[in-house]
C-alpha atoms as a PDB file:
ATOM      1  CA  MET A   1     126.138  80.037 161.120  1.00  0.00           C
ATOM      2  CA  ALA A   2     128.438  79.210 164.009  1.00  0.00           C
ATOM      3  CA  ILE A   3     127.274  82.369 165.779  1.00  0.00           C
ATOM      4  CA  THR A   4     123.604  81.525 165.240  1.00  0.00           C
ATOM      5  CA  ALA A   5     124.092  77.954 166.507  1.00  0.00           C
ATOM      6  CA  ARG A   6     126.431  79.154 169.293  1.00  0.00           C
ATOM      7  CA  VAL A   7     129.077  76.585 168.411  1.00  0.00           C
ATOM      8  CA  SER A   8     132.514  76.718 166.824  1.00  0.00           C
ATOM      9  CA  VAL A   9     133.124  76.842 163.080  1.00  0.00           C
ATOM     10  CA  ALA A  10     134.825  73.428 163.381  1.00  0.00           C
ATOM     11  CA  THR A  11     131.708  71.971 164.991  1.00  0.00           C
ATOM     12  CA  VAL A  12     129.515  73.338 162.194  1.00  0.00           C
ATOM     13  CA  SER A  13     131.883  71.772 159.652  1.00  0.00           C
ATOM     14  CA  ASN A  14     131.852  68.439 161.473  1.00  0.00           C
ATOM     15  CA  VAL A  15     128.059  68.354 161.628  1.00  0.00           C
ATOM     16  CA  LEU A  16     127.594  69.348 157.979  1.00  0.00           C
ATOM     17  CA  ASN A  17     130.148  66.761 156.872  1.00  0.00           C
ATOM     18  CA  GLY A  18     128.574  63.996 158.969  1.00  0.00           C
ATOM     19  CA  LYS A  19     131.549  63.364 161.230  1.00  0.00           C
ATOM     20  CA  ASP A  20     129.512  61.567 163.871  1.00  0.00           C
ATOM     21  CA  GLY A  21     130.952  61.142 167.331  1.00  0.00           C
ATOM     22  CA  LEU A  22     132.585  64.562 167.396  1.00  0.00           C
ATOM     23  CA  TYR A  23     129.480  66.337 168.733  1.00  0.00           C
ATOM     24  CA  SER A  24     126.365  65.563 170.716  1.00  0.00           C
ATOM     25  CA  PRO A  25     122.928  65.093 169.139  1.00  0.00           C
ATOM     26  CA  GLY A  26     121.835  68.350 170.831  1.00  0.00           C
ATOM     27  CA  THR A  27     124.681  70.225 169.190  1.00  0.00           C
ATOM     28  CA  ALA A  28     123.755  68.753 165.810  1.00  0.00           C
ATOM     29  CA  ASP A  29     120.168  69.923 166.360  1.00  0.00           C
ATOM     30  CA  LEU A  30     121.423  73.475 167.001  1.00  0.00           C
ATOM     31  CA  VAL A  31     123.485  73.447 163.809  1.00  0.00           C
ATOM     32  CA  TRP A  32     120.661  72.027 161.664  1.00  0.00           C
ATOM     33  CA  ALA A  33     118.260  74.614 163.111  1.00  0.00           C
ATOM     34  CA  ALA A  34     120.726  77.356 162.120  1.00  0.00           C
ATOM     35  CA  VAL A  35     121.046  75.816 158.632  1.00  0.00           C
ATOM     36  CA  LYS A  36     117.284  76.000 158.216  1.00  0.00           C
ATOM     37  CA  CYS A  37     116.929  79.461 159.769  1.00  0.00           C
ATOM     38  CA  LEU A  38     119.659  80.947 157.568  1.00  0.00           C
ATOM     39  CA  ASP A  39     118.620  78.980 154.474  1.00  0.00           C
ATOM     40  CA  TYR A  40     122.243  77.827 154.208  1.00  0.00           C
ATOM     41  CA  ARG A  41     123.519  76.485 150.894  1.00  0.00           C
ATOM     42  CA  PRO A  42     127.095  75.214 150.565  1.00  0.00           C
ATOM     43  CA  ASN A  43     129.397  77.330 148.422  1.00  0.00           C
ATOM     44  CA  GLN A  44     130.774  74.933 145.804  1.00  0.00           C
ATOM     45  CA  VAL A  45     133.649  77.260 144.872  1.00  0.00           C
ATOM     46  CA  ALA A  46     134.842  77.482 148.476  1.00  0.00           C
ATOM     47  CA  ARG A  47     134.425  73.738 148.912  1.00  0.00           C
ATOM     48  CA  SER A  48     136.466  73.028 145.774  1.00  0.00           C
ATOM     49  CA  LEU A  49     139.296  75.213 147.077  1.00  0.00           C
ATOM     50  CA  VAL A  50     139.479  73.204 150.296  1.00  0.00           C
ATOM     51  CA  GLN A  51     139.094  69.825 148.597  1.00  0.00           C
ATOM     52  CA  ARG A  52     141.311  70.757 145.630  1.00  0.00           C
ATOM     53  CA  HIS A  53     138.727  69.170 143.363  1.00  0.00           C
ATOM     54  CA  THR A  54     136.184  71.169 141.350  1.00  0.00           C
ATOM     55  CA  ARG A  55     133.833  68.403 140.163  1.00  0.00           C
ATOM     56  CA  THR A  56     133.652  70.340 136.900  1.00  0.00           C
ATOM     57  CA  LEU A  57     133.999  68.978 133.389  1.00  0.00           C
ATOM     58  CA  GLY A  58     134.759  71.100 130.363  1.00  0.00           C
ATOM     59  CA  VAL A  59     133.172  70.686 126.943  1.00  0.00           C
ATOM     60  CA  VAL A  60     134.683  72.458 123.960  1.00  0.00           C
ATOM     61  CA  VAL A  61     132.587  72.601 120.780  1.00  0.00           C
ATOM     62  CA  ASP A  62     134.092  73.644 117.481  1.00  0.00           C
ATOM     63  CA  ARG A  63     132.309  76.649 115.983  1.00  0.00           C
ATOM     64  CA  ALA A  64     132.331  74.805 112.648  1.00  0.00           C
ATOM     65  CA  HIS A  65     129.350  72.785 113.886  1.00  0.00           C
ATOM     66  CA  GLY A  66     127.202  75.896 113.579  1.00  0.00           C
ATOM     67  CA  ARG A  67     124.876  77.313 116.175  1.00  0.00           C
ATOM     68  CA  LEU A  68     124.348  74.855 118.996  1.00  0.00           C
ATOM     69  CA  THR A  69     120.623  75.481 119.081  1.00  0.00           C
ATOM     70  CA  ARG A  70     120.299  74.388 115.444  1.00  0.00           C
ATOM     71  CA  ASN A  71     122.488  71.295 115.529  1.00  0.00           C
ATOM     72  CA  ALA A  72     120.405  68.306 116.642  1.00  0.00           C
ATOM     73  CA  TYR A  73     123.434  66.017 116.950  1.00  0.00           C
ATOM     74  CA  ILE A  74     125.373  68.391 119.211  1.00  0.00           C
ATOM     75  CA  ASN A  75     122.221  69.135 121.252  1.00  0.00           C
ATOM     76  CA  GLY A  76     121.595  65.425 121.811  1.00  0.00           C
ATOM     77  CA  LEU A  77     125.214  64.839 122.722  1.00  0.00           C
ATOM     78  CA  LEU A  78     125.251  67.722 125.192  1.00  0.00           C
ATOM     79  CA  ASP A  79     121.923  66.669 126.728  1.00  0.00           C
ATOM     80  CA  GLY A  80     123.262  63.182 127.407  1.00  0.00           C
ATOM     81  CA  PHE A  81     126.534  64.534 128.734  1.00  0.00           C
ATOM     82  CA  LEU A  82     124.771  66.993 131.049  1.00  0.00           C
ATOM     83  CA  GLU A  83     122.357  64.357 132.331  1.00  0.00           C
ATOM     84  CA  TYR A  84     125.159  61.929 133.133  1.00  0.00           C
ATOM     85  CA  ALA A  85     127.394  64.562 134.724  1.00  0.00           C
ATOM     86  CA  ASN A  86     124.553  65.855 136.881  1.00  0.00           C
ATOM     87  CA  GLY A  87     123.779  62.304 138.010  1.00  0.00           C
ATOM     88  CA  VAL A  88     127.319  61.815 139.309  1.00  0.00           C
ATOM     89  CA  GLY A  89     127.574  65.246 140.943  1.00  0.00           C
ATOM     90  CA  TYR A  90     129.553  67.131 138.324  1.00  0.00           C
ATOM     91  CA  GLN A  91     128.855  70.446 136.651  1.00  0.00           C
ATOM     92  CA  ILE A  92     129.618  71.296 133.038  1.00  0.00           C
ATOM     93  CA  LYS A  93     131.373  74.332 131.598  1.00  0.00           C
ATOM     94  CA  LEU A  94     130.744  74.837 127.898  1.00  0.00           C
ATOM     95  CA  SER A  95     133.039  76.691 125.545  1.00  0.00           C
ATOM     96  CA  VAL A  96     132.514  77.286 121.835  1.00  0.00           C
ATOM     97  CA  CYS A  97     135.590  78.163 119.820  1.00  0.00           C
END
């Protein structure tokens, strides 16, 4: 993206992270045009490595509860958990053991 916008990688990072005052409005326009042109989507795995925070919650369900699709209680619990986590910017990893 830095090549497309003809700016440095640091400038792209500053624009995408909203660090106002470190670049001109014209430079921000170039970066946002490159974002749109390239259909850029942030890589959450790469971001978590830099931030040292995954924003991921784990849910472990005991196999004794039967198949998840047939257990109304577990389904309701997971639905609520997923809805809340999504609302606060977390993702869920589910494990059945």
